[in-house]
Amino acid sequence: MVVEYIRYRIPKGETAEVFESAYSRAVIPLGKAPQCLSYELSRCTEEPESYILRIEWTSTKDHLEGFRGSDHFREFFAEIRPFVSNIEEMRHYEPLITGS
């Protein structure tokens, strides 16, 4: 399992509402993808224009070669395409220490 973090900076106001609405639609195909184990979109409480999308993938390879080549990805990307330029970071991380 690997965790992908995508950091966005989205201006406050109407753009943020459009972003959140787009992600509420985008997670439908994301959640159906067999490579996706779970996901979470969070907004920063101290800087409301900062968002983080956390996705647990079965592996980096499954994400990049499986999901990205699928119809699920095409549906997902169609919703979030307008916000790609707002991405500040997009990386995969290997969990080392976890808790509940």
Protein backbone atom coordinates (compact mmCIF):
# COMPACT_ATOMS: atom_id res chain seq x y z
CA MET A 1 0.00 0.00 0.00
CA VAL A 2 1.16 3.52 -0.82
CA VAL A 3 -0.35 6.91 0.02
CA GLU A 4 -0.56 9.71 -2.52
CA TYR A 5 -0.86 13.27 -1.25
CA ILE A 6 -1.98 16.04 -3.56
CA ARG A 7 -1.80 19.58 -2.17
CA TYR A 8 -3.97 22.25 -3.78
CA ARG A 9 -4.21 26.00 -3.26
CA ILE A 10 -7.70 27.13 -4.24
CA PRO A 11 -8.84 30.76 -3.92
CA LYS A 12 -11.60 31.39 -1.39
CA GLY A 13 -15.16 32.01 -2.44
CA GLU A 14 -16.95 30.66 -5.47
CA THR A 15 -13.87 28.87 -6.83
CA ALA A 16 -13.57 26.84 -3.63
CA GLU A 17 -17.23 25.85 -3.87
CA VAL A 18 -16.74 24.76 -7.50
CA PHE A 19 -13.61 22.80 -6.50
CA GLU A 20 -15.38 20.99 -3.67
CA SER A 21 -18.36 20.24 -5.89
CA ALA A 22 -16.08 18.86 -8.64
CA TYR A 23 -14.38 16.57 -6.13
CA SER A 24 -17.71 15.33 -4.79
CA ARG A 25 -18.36 14.06 -8.33
CA ALA A 26 -14.76 12.94 -9.01
CA VAL A 27 -14.63 10.59 -6.03
CA ILE A 28 -17.38 8.44 -7.49
CA PRO A 29 -15.20 6.90 -10.22
CA LEU A 30 -12.16 7.09 -7.91
CA GLY A 31 -13.92 4.98 -5.30
CA LYS A 32 -14.91 2.41 -7.93
CA ALA A 33 -11.31 1.89 -9.07
CA PRO A 34 -9.91 -1.40 -7.75
CA GLN A 35 -6.49 0.24 -7.24
CA CYS A 36 -7.95 2.81 -4.80
CA LEU A 37 -8.26 1.57 -1.22
CA SER A 38 -9.54 4.81 0.31
CA TYR A 39 -9.47 8.58 -0.13
CA GLU A 40 -10.01 11.77 1.85
CA LEU A 41 -10.18 15.43 0.81
CA SER A 42 -9.42 17.87 3.64
CA ARG A 43 -9.38 21.67 3.90
CA CYS A 44 -6.91 23.43 6.19
CA THR A 45 -8.55 25.20 9.11
CA GLU A 46 -5.75 27.79 9.42
CA GLU A 47 -5.49 28.46 5.66
CA PRO A 48 -8.87 27.62 4.07
CA GLU A 49 -7.44 27.98 0.55
CA SER A 50 -5.20 24.93 1.21
CA TYR A 51 -6.56 21.44 0.51
CA ILE A 52 -5.00 17.99 0.67
CA LEU A 53 -6.28 14.94 -1.14
CA ARG A 54 -5.07 11.70 0.45
CA ILE A 55 -5.47 8.52 -1.59
CA GLU A 56 -4.41 5.04 -0.51
CA TRP A 57 -3.41 2.96 -3.53
CA THR A 58 -2.62 -0.74 -3.73
CA SER A 59 0.80 0.30 -5.13
CA THR A 60 2.43 3.15 -7.03
CA LYS A 61 2.57 0.96 -10.13
CA ASP A 62 -1.14 0.11 -9.83
CA HIS A 63 -1.92 3.81 -9.58
CA LEU A 64 0.28 5.00 -12.44
CA GLU A 65 -0.19 2.08 -14.83
CA GLY A 66 -3.56 0.66 -13.82
CA PHE A 67 -5.74 3.55 -12.67
CA ARG A 68 -4.30 6.16 -15.03
CA GLY A 69 -5.01 3.92 -18.01
CA SER A 70 -8.61 3.24 -16.99
CA ASP A 71 -12.04 4.67 -17.70
CA HIS A 72 -12.24 5.45 -13.96
CA PHE A 73 -9.30 7.84 -14.36
CA ARG A 74 -10.83 9.51 -17.42
CA GLU A 75 -14.05 10.15 -15.49
CA PHE A 76 -12.14 11.35 -12.43
CA PHE A 77 -9.84 13.64 -14.43
CA ALA A 78 -12.71 15.17 -16.41
CA GLU A 79 -14.04 16.60 -13.12
CA ILE A 80 -10.76 17.90 -11.65
CA ARG A 81 -9.01 19.05 -14.85
CA PRO A 82 -9.76 22.77 -14.23
CA PHE A 83 -7.80 22.59 -10.95
CA VAL A 84 -4.61 20.85 -12.10
CA SER A 85 -2.78 24.19 -12.26
CA ASN A 86 -3.61 24.68 -8.56
CA ILE A 87 -1.60 21.61 -7.52
CA GLU A 88 1.40 22.47 -5.34
CA GLU A 89 2.56 18.90 -4.68
CA MET A 90 1.64 15.43 -5.92
CA ARG A 91 3.72 12.56 -4.49
CA HIS A 92 3.52 8.99 -3.28
CA TYR A 93 4.57 8.11 0.26
CA GLU A 94 5.21 4.79 1.96
CA PRO A 95 3.65 4.63 5.44
CA LEU A 96 6.22 3.80 8.13
CA ILE A 97 4.45 4.25 11.47
CA THR A 98 0.67 4.15 11.81
CA GLY A 99 -1.81 4.25 14.65
CA SER A 100 -5.51 4.44 15.33
